[in-house]
């Protein structure tokens, strides 16, 4: 059932079976309940920021303010921070101000439509827009040379325009391309994938597919295995589809739009061409962990710094931007993914947050990008109130 301002609409799915069952030769009907609830936006006052929960010894402060709608972050080797704002189409440089715990002067260094994903390698900043992939030289003062276009033919955006970038241990560039829809058969094979590209733009190929929208991904520091958090399908109810933490492997298919979670069938879609849901499921790779539905994972980074206590090293930190498609809000926090000594994810823990207030009826931040600074702190971008937060360990 979808509810909009008191209007209730029943959604009846015809052929197939409900998503929780196995296939049957008999026709079936399933009814799903979907809710829309968007907590009101309020200001990120000092009092609200000071109330953010974090483990003992950690402090959460404002690293920068009045940043528009900051999304992704990239930290240069000298501590300069680059910040994208897709709505304005800008990249802003925050100069490193050593020992202050705050960003220095903010300088616009690039402007083009829909700039979002950022990654740094060998003195160059790579920037992803919707259909374009750019590269620019980082100059001595942190500003950029003119943007050079590596590609201008990436898939259309549709529902998920937020391309993200990261360099792997192999020094190749990995580009996440979200799906154009909630759940559909994509005409462009590069949609709903992660693509691998050489630094000069050559060698573009699909690395993994069946990924609805994997914005946050990174490599475990010890195992060098790639993990990413995929956004679940909407309108399957408050508790479905749960967000998927995937071990991303070359050539693997993670099931979207036909299979979700650990082998459930999305019967809102027709079966994959030429096979049953069960046959397709047998060819897909299940997630390694599942998180609360609709929490909206955005940024993901493994911690390799020296500032936090040793127990945090090699764990992942994930920004959960927050739900809209469930009756009670979920997310609006940073979580820690605890990994064991063998490099396997074993559990989730709340780390910072939440940014919900007023008995969960309002929020003062929807967090997006996350990056580790050279001093070992974590930086977190809030794309609604224009704040970049700093999480530092101060002892105690």
Protein backbone atom coordinates (compact mmCIF):
# COMPACT_ATOMS: atom_id res chain seq x y z
CA UNK A 1 0.00 0.00 0.00
CA UNK A 2 1.40 3.44 -0.88
CA UNK A 3 0.24 6.29 1.33
CA UNK A 4 0.39 9.93 0.22
CA UNK A 5 -1.14 12.56 2.51
CA UNK A 6 -3.87 10.23 3.67
CA UNK A 7 -4.56 8.69 0.24
CA UNK A 8 -4.09 4.92 0.36
CA UNK A 9 -3.42 3.05 -2.86
CA UNK A 10 -3.18 -0.74 -2.91
CA UNK A 11 -0.51 -2.10 -5.21
CA UNK A 12 -1.36 -5.60 -6.42
CA UNK A 13 1.35 -7.55 -8.19
CA UNK A 14 -0.05 -10.00 -10.69
CA UNK A 15 1.84 -12.99 -12.04
CA UNK A 16 4.63 -14.59 -10.04
CA UNK A 17 4.89 -14.99 -6.30
CA UNK A 18 5.38 -12.59 -3.46
CA UNK A 19 8.98 -11.67 -2.86
CA UNK A 20 9.32 -13.82 0.24
CA UNK A 21 8.37 -17.12 -1.43
CA UNK A 22 9.76 -19.58 -3.93
CA UNK A 23 8.29 -19.80 -7.43
CA UNK A 24 5.08 -21.72 -8.00
CA UNK A 25 3.28 -22.94 -11.08
CA UNK A 26 0.13 -21.33 -9.68
CA UNK A 27 -0.66 -17.64 -10.20
CA UNK A 28 -0.21 -15.52 -7.10
CA UNK A 29 -1.03 -12.09 -5.83
CA UNK A 30 0.98 -9.98 -3.39
CA UNK A 31 0.16 -6.71 -1.64
CA UNK A 32 2.97 -4.50 -0.38
CA UNK A 33 2.71 -1.56 1.95
CA UNK A 34 4.89 1.44 1.27
CA UNK A 35 5.01 4.61 3.31
CA UNK A 36 6.43 8.07 2.69
CA UNK A 37 7.73 9.95 5.71
CA UNK A 38 10.22 12.77 5.40
CA UNK A 39 11.35 14.29 8.71
CA UNK A 40 11.30 18.09 8.67
CA UNK A 41 14.60 19.90 8.17
CA UNK A 42 15.86 22.08 11.02
CA UNK A 43 19.10 23.98 11.50
CA UNK A 44 22.34 22.34 12.65
CA UNK A 45 22.65 24.48 15.77
CA UNK A 46 25.59 24.12 18.14
CA UNK A 47 23.26 22.57 20.72
CA UNK A 48 22.08 19.91 18.29
CA UNK A 49 25.60 19.13 17.13
CA UNK A 50 26.81 18.81 20.71
CA UNK A 51 24.05 16.25 21.31
CA UNK A 52 25.34 13.90 18.58
CA UNK A 53 26.18 10.59 20.22
CA UNK A 54 29.64 9.07 19.71
CA UNK A 55 31.73 6.53 21.63
CA UNK A 56 33.64 7.75 24.66
CA UNK A 57 36.71 9.78 23.80
CA UNK A 58 35.37 10.95 20.40
CA UNK A 59 34.40 14.54 19.60
CA UNK A 60 32.15 15.70 16.73
CA UNK A 61 32.72 19.27 15.56
CA UNK A 62 32.07 21.41 12.51
CA UNK A 63 35.01 21.35 10.11
CA UNK A 64 33.34 23.78 7.68
CA UNK A 65 29.98 25.53 7.30
CA UNK A 66 27.98 27.32 4.59
CA UNK A 67 29.15 24.84 1.95
CA UNK A 68 25.90 24.67 -0.03
CA UNK A 69 25.05 21.01 -0.55
CA UNK A 70 28.36 19.18 -0.14
CA UNK A 71 28.31 15.57 -1.31
CA UNK A 72 31.60 13.74 -1.92
CA UNK A 73 35.00 14.42 -0.33
CA UNK A 74 38.57 13.72 -1.46
CA UNK A 75 41.62 14.42 0.69
CA UNK A 76 44.92 15.31 -0.97
CA UNK A 77 48.25 14.08 0.47
CA UNK A 78 48.93 17.55 1.89
CA UNK A 79 45.60 17.65 3.77
CA UNK A 80 43.67 19.84 1.33
CA UNK A 81 40.06 18.71 0.97
CA UNK A 82 38.03 18.76 -2.25
CA UNK A 83 34.24 18.90 -1.94
CA UNK A 84 31.67 18.34 -4.69
CA UNK A 85 28.25 19.95 -4.92
CA UNK A 86 26.25 18.28 -7.69
CA UNK A 87 23.36 20.74 -7.52
CA UNK A 88 25.65 23.74 -8.13
CA UNK A 89 28.02 21.76 -10.35
CA UNK A 90 31.09 22.80 -8.39
CA UNK A 91 34.18 21.43 -6.72
CA UNK A 92 35.40 23.52 -3.77
CA UNK A 93 38.86 23.37 -2.20
CA UNK A 94 39.24 23.67 1.57
CA UNK A 95 42.88 24.48 2.25
CA UNK A 96 44.54 22.51 5.02
CA UNK A 97 44.85 24.54 8.20
CA UNK A 98 47.11 22.34 10.28
CA UNK A 99 46.33 21.99 13.96
CA UNK A 100 43.05 23.93 13.85
CA UNK A 101 40.57 21.08 13.38
CA UNK A 102 38.86 23.21 10.77
CA UNK A 103 39.08 23.67 7.04
CA UNK A 104 40.86 26.75 5.74
CA UNK A 105 39.82 29.09 2.97
CA UNK A 106 37.11 27.76 0.63
CA UNK A 107 37.96 28.24 -3.05
CA UNK A 108 35.88 27.14 -6.03
CA UNK A 109 38.25 25.21 -8.31
CA UNK A 110 35.94 23.60 -10.90
CA UNK A 111 32.50 24.16 -12.35
CA UNK A 112 30.53 21.97 -14.76
CA UNK A 113 27.09 20.42 -14.68
CA UNK A 114 26.42 17.65 -12.13
CA UNK A 115 29.93 17.23 -10.69
CA UNK A 116 29.84 14.58 -7.98
CA UNK A 117 32.37 11.74 -7.63
CA UNK A 118 35.97 12.62 -6.68
CA UNK A 119 39.21 10.63 -6.59
CA UNK A 120 42.89 11.65 -6.41
CA UNK A 121 45.86 9.84 -7.92
CA UNK A 122 49.38 10.99 -8.85
CA UNK A 123 48.66 14.70 -8.56
CA UNK A 124 45.43 14.60 -10.53
CA UNK A 125 41.81 14.96 -9.47
CA UNK A 126 39.28 12.79 -11.29
CA UNK A 127 35.68 14.03 -11.25
CA UNK A 128 32.53 12.19 -12.33
CA UNK A 129 29.39 13.90 -13.57
CA UNK A 130 26.37 12.08 -15.03
CA UNK A 131 27.66 11.34 -18.53
CA UNK A 132 31.14 12.84 -18.22
CA UNK A 133 34.35 11.76 -16.56
CA UNK A 134 36.90 14.57 -16.12
CA UNK A 135 40.50 14.80 -14.98
CA UNK A 136 42.53 17.86 -13.97
CA UNK A 137 46.03 18.50 -12.65
CA UNK A 138 46.28 19.65 -9.03
CA UNK A 139 48.46 22.75 -9.09
CA UNK A 140 50.85 23.94 -6.39
CA UNK A 141 48.28 26.12 -4.67
CA UNK A 142 45.64 23.37 -4.74
CA UNK A 143 43.67 24.85 -7.62
CA UNK A 144 43.01 22.78 -10.74
CA UNK A 145 44.01 23.03 -14.36
CA UNK A 146 41.28 23.13 -16.98
CA UNK A 147 39.07 20.05 -16.87
CA UNK A 148 39.92 17.44 -19.50
CA UNK A 149 37.12 15.15 -20.68
CA UNK A 150 37.97 11.45 -20.59
CA UNK A 151 34.43 10.33 -21.40
CA UNK A 152 31.16 12.02 -22.31
CA UNK A 153 29.09 8.91 -23.07
CA UNK A 154 28.35 7.39 -19.68
CA UNK A 155 24.77 6.10 -19.30
CA UNK A 156 21.89 8.47 -18.69
CA UNK A 157 21.12 9.11 -15.04
CA UNK A 158 17.41 8.58 -14.51
CA UNK A 159 16.65 7.94 -10.82
CA UNK A 160 20.28 7.64 -9.68
CA UNK A 161 22.57 10.37 -11.06
CA UNK A 162 25.22 10.31 -8.34
CA UNK A 163 28.32 8.72 -9.89
CA UNK A 164 31.13 7.94 -7.47
CA UNK A 165 34.83 7.24 -7.98
CA UNK A 166 37.61 5.51 -6.11
CA UNK A 167 41.03 4.10 -6.94
CA UNK A 168 41.66 0.47 -6.12
CA UNK A 169 44.88 -1.15 -4.87
CA UNK A 170 45.63 -1.92 -8.53
CA UNK A 171 45.66 1.88 -9.21
CA UNK A 172 42.75 1.50 -11.59
CA UNK A 173 39.75 3.81 -11.36
CA UNK A 174 36.42 2.32 -10.32
CA UNK A 175 33.24 4.17 -11.27
CA UNK A 176 29.83 3.34 -9.81
CA UNK A 177 26.91 3.87 -12.19
CA UNK A 178 23.50 3.58 -10.54
CA UNK A 179 20.32 2.28 -12.13
CA UNK A 180 17.99 4.60 -14.03
CA UNK A 181 14.94 3.31 -12.14
CA UNK A 182 13.70 1.65 -8.97
CA UNK A 183 13.53 -1.79 -10.61
CA UNK A 184 13.56 -2.40 -14.36
CA UNK A 185 15.34 -4.19 -17.19
CA UNK A 186 18.07 -1.68 -18.16
CA UNK A 187 18.67 -1.11 -21.89
CA UNK A 188 22.25 0.08 -21.28
CA UNK A 189 24.47 -2.72 -19.91
CA UNK A 190 26.63 -0.20 -18.00
CA UNK A 191 23.69 0.94 -15.86
CA UNK A 192 23.55 -0.62 -12.36
CA UNK A 193 27.22 -1.58 -12.46
CA UNK A 194 30.70 -0.73 -11.30
CA UNK A 195 33.00 0.02 -14.21
CA UNK A 196 36.81 -0.27 -14.19
CA UNK A 197 38.91 2.27 -16.12
CA UNK A 198 42.64 2.90 -16.56
CA UNK A 199 43.90 6.30 -15.42
CA UNK A 200 44.27 7.49 -19.03
CA UNK A 201 40.66 6.58 -19.77
CA UNK A 202 41.44 3.38 -21.66
CA UNK A 203 40.29 -0.14 -20.79
CA UNK A 204 36.75 0.78 -19.76
CA UNK A 205 34.83 -2.38 -18.85
CA UNK A 206 32.12 -3.63 -16.53
CA UNK A 207 33.65 -5.01 -13.32
CA UNK A 208 30.45 -6.09 -11.51
CA UNK A 209 26.72 -5.79 -12.28
CA UNK A 210 23.29 -6.18 -10.72
CA UNK A 211 23.99 -3.27 -8.35
CA UNK A 212 21.05 -0.89 -8.02
CA UNK A 213 23.06 2.01 -6.61
CA UNK A 214 26.38 1.31 -4.87
CA UNK A 215 27.55 4.82 -4.02
CA UNK A 216 29.95 3.85 -1.21
CA UNK A 217 32.72 1.31 -1.78
CA UNK A 218 36.31 0.71 -0.68
CA UNK A 219 38.94 -2.02 -0.28
CA UNK A 220 39.77 -3.78 2.98
CA UNK A 221 43.30 -2.67 3.95
CA UNK A 222 44.55 -6.19 4.71
CA UNK A 223 42.70 -8.50 2.32
CA UNK A 224 42.47 -5.94 -0.51
CA UNK A 225 38.94 -7.21 -1.12
CA UNK A 226 36.39 -4.71 -2.39
CA UNK A 227 33.21 -4.01 -0.40
CA UNK A 228 30.25 -1.84 -1.34
CA UNK A 229 26.87 -0.96 0.18
CA UNK A 230 23.98 -1.22 -2.30
CA UNK A 231 20.66 0.62 -1.99
CA UNK A 232 17.64 -1.67 -1.76
CA UNK A 233 14.53 -1.50 -3.94
CA UNK A 234 11.78 0.89 -2.79
CA UNK A 235 8.07 0.11 -2.35
CA UNK A 236 8.50 -3.41 -0.96
CA UNK A 237 7.39 -2.34 2.52
CA UNK A 238 8.96 -0.83 5.62
CA UNK A 239 11.33 -3.76 6.17
CA UNK A 240 12.08 -4.71 2.55
CA UNK A 241 14.42 -4.41 0.72
CA UNK A 242 17.20 -4.30 3.29
CA UNK A 243 20.41 -2.54 2.31
CA UNK A 244 23.10 -4.95 1.10
CA UNK A 245 26.77 -4.99 2.04
CA UNK A 246 28.42 -6.86 -0.82
CA UNK A 247 31.85 -8.37 -1.33
CA UNK A 248 32.40 -7.08 -4.85
CA UNK A 249 34.15 -9.50 -7.17
CA UNK A 250 35.12 -9.19 -10.79
CA UNK A 251 32.47 -10.62 -13.10
CA UNK A 252 29.88 -11.16 -10.35
CA UNK A 253 26.15 -10.41 -10.69
CA UNK A 254 24.43 -9.16 -7.52
CA UNK A 255 20.91 -9.81 -8.74
CA UNK A 256 19.17 -6.46 -9.22
CA UNK A 257 16.40 -6.06 -10.35
CA UNK A 258 15.28 -9.70 -10.18
CA UNK A 259 16.87 -11.03 -6.99
CA UNK A 260 17.35 -9.23 -3.69
CA UNK A 261 18.75 -9.92 -0.26
CA UNK A 262 19.69 -13.61 0.02
CA UNK A 263 17.81 -15.05 -2.93
CA UNK A 264 14.37 -13.44 -2.72
CA UNK A 265 12.46 -12.91 -5.98
CA UNK A 266 11.29 -9.46 -7.02
CA UNK A 267 8.01 -10.52 -8.59
CA UNK A 268 7.10 -6.93 -9.44
CA UNK A 269 9.36 -7.63 -12.42
CA UNK A 270 8.93 -10.27 -15.09
CA UNK A 271 11.34 -13.18 -14.76
CA UNK A 272 14.71 -12.65 -16.49
CA UNK A 273 14.56 -13.43 -20.22
CA UNK A 274 15.01 -17.12 -20.95
CA UNK A 275 15.08 -18.35 -17.35
CA UNK A 276 13.12 -18.59 -14.13
CA UNK A 277 13.77 -16.49 -11.04
CA UNK A 278 15.28 -19.54 -9.35
CA UNK A 279 17.64 -20.19 -12.26
CA UNK A 280 18.77 -16.57 -12.24
CA UNK A 281 19.21 -16.57 -8.46
CA UNK A 282 21.61 -19.52 -8.75
CA UNK A 283 23.90 -17.35 -10.88
CA UNK A 284 23.98 -14.36 -8.53
CA UNK A 285 26.19 -13.49 -5.56
CA UNK A 286 24.37 -12.88 -2.24
CA UNK A 287 25.29 -10.08 0.16
CA UNK A 288 27.60 -10.72 3.11
CA UNK A 289 25.53 -8.60 5.52
CA UNK A 290 22.11 -6.92 5.49
CA UNK A 291 21.20 -3.59 7.11
CA UNK A 292 17.92 -1.83 7.90
CA UNK A 293 15.76 -1.21 4.84
CA UNK A 294 15.74 2.26 3.27
CA UNK A 295 18.50 3.65 5.54
CA UNK A 296 20.27 4.86 2.36
CA UNK A 297 24.01 4.11 2.58
CA UNK A 298 26.11 6.82 0.92
CA UNK A 299 29.81 6.98 1.76
CA UNK A 300 32.02 4.09 2.86
CA UNK A 301 35.66 4.20 3.96
CA UNK A 302 37.96 1.74 5.70
CA UNK A 303 39.89 3.28 8.57
CA UNK A 304 43.68 3.07 8.27
CA UNK A 305 44.71 6.00 10.47
CA UNK A 306 46.60 6.18 13.74
CA UNK A 307 44.42 8.65 15.62
CA UNK A 308 41.56 6.31 16.61
CA UNK A 309 42.20 3.47 19.06
CA UNK A 310 43.73 0.38 17.46
CA UNK A 311 40.46 -1.57 17.71
CA UNK A 312 38.95 0.68 15.01
CA UNK A 313 41.68 0.05 12.46
CA UNK A 314 40.61 -1.84 9.33
CA UNK A 315 36.91 -1.39 10.12
CA UNK A 316 34.59 0.40 7.71
CA UNK A 317 32.58 3.54 8.44
CA UNK A 318 29.40 4.20 6.47
CA UNK A 319 27.17 7.26 6.26
CA UNK A 320 23.47 6.40 6.31
CA UNK A 321 21.80 9.41 4.73
CA UNK A 322 18.34 8.49 5.98
CA UNK A 323 15.07 7.02 4.80
CA UNK A 324 11.96 8.43 3.19
CA UNK A 325 10.18 5.22 2.10
CA UNK A 326 9.16 3.82 5.50
CA UNK A 327 6.80 4.82 8.31
CA UNK A 328 9.52 5.29 10.93
CA UNK A 329 12.79 6.91 9.85
CA UNK A 330 15.98 4.85 9.65
CA UNK A 331 19.56 5.95 9.10
CA UNK A 332 20.60 9.58 9.68
CA UNK A 333 23.78 8.29 11.33
CA UNK A 334 27.29 6.95 10.78
CA UNK A 335 27.69 3.24 11.41
CA UNK A 336 30.79 1.12 11.96
CA UNK A 337 31.15 -2.21 10.16
CA UNK A 338 33.25 -4.37 12.45
CA UNK A 339 35.62 -6.77 10.66
CA UNK A 340 37.36 -9.73 12.28
CA UNK A 341 41.08 -10.49 12.12
CA UNK A 342 40.53 -12.41 8.88
CA UNK A 343 39.00 -9.38 7.18
CA UNK A 344 35.39 -10.59 7.30
CA UNK A 345 32.49 -8.29 8.30
CA UNK A 346 30.82 -9.58 11.45
CA UNK A 347 28.43 -6.88 12.73
CA UNK A 348 27.18 -3.31 12.54
CA UNK A 349 27.48 -0.76 15.34
CA UNK A 350 26.20 2.80 15.62
CA UNK A 351 29.16 5.20 15.60
CA UNK A 352 27.91 8.80 15.36
CA UNK A 353 24.37 10.11 15.46
CA UNK A 354 21.71 10.29 14.88
CA UNK A 355 20.96 13.55 13.11
CA UNK A 356 17.29 13.04 13.96
CA UNK A 357 15.69 15.28 16.57
CA UNK A 358 12.26 16.26 17.93
CA UNK A 359 11.32 12.64 18.64
CA UNK A 360 12.41 11.61 15.13
CA UNK A 361 10.05 14.12 13.52
CA UNK A 362 12.89 16.34 12.25
CA UNK A 363 16.51 16.12 11.15
CA UNK A 364 19.40 18.57 11.17
CA UNK A 365 21.52 16.72 8.64
CA UNK A 366 21.42 14.13 5.88
CA UNK A 367 24.97 12.92 5.61
CA UNK A 368 26.64 11.86 2.39
CA UNK A 369 30.39 11.67 1.70
CA UNK A 370 32.96 10.44 4.20
CA UNK A 371 36.76 10.55 4.02
CA UNK A 372 39.74 10.00 6.28
CA UNK A 373 41.88 13.09 6.77
CA UNK A 374 45.68 12.89 6.94
CA UNK A 375 45.52 13.53 10.71
CA UNK A 376 43.41 10.37 11.17
CA UNK A 377 40.10 12.11 11.79
CA UNK A 378 37.00 11.40 9.71
CA UNK A 379 35.27 14.11 7.67
CA UNK A 380 31.55 13.80 6.91
CA UNK A 381 29.51 15.93 4.50
CA UNK A 382 25.92 16.97 5.19
CA UNK A 383 24.24 17.94 1.94
CA UNK A 384 21.19 19.64 3.47
CA UNK A 385 22.59 22.15 5.98
CA UNK A 386 25.92 22.70 4.24
CA UNK A 387 28.09 21.41 7.08
CA UNK A 388 31.20 19.25 6.95
CA UNK A 389 31.73 17.50 10.26
CA UNK A 390 34.95 16.25 11.82
CA UNK A 391 35.06 13.19 14.06
CA UNK A 392 38.26 13.04 16.10
CA UNK A 393 39.51 10.95 18.99
CA UNK A 394 40.51 13.16 21.86
CA UNK A 395 41.03 10.47 24.49
CA UNK A 396 39.36 9.93 27.78
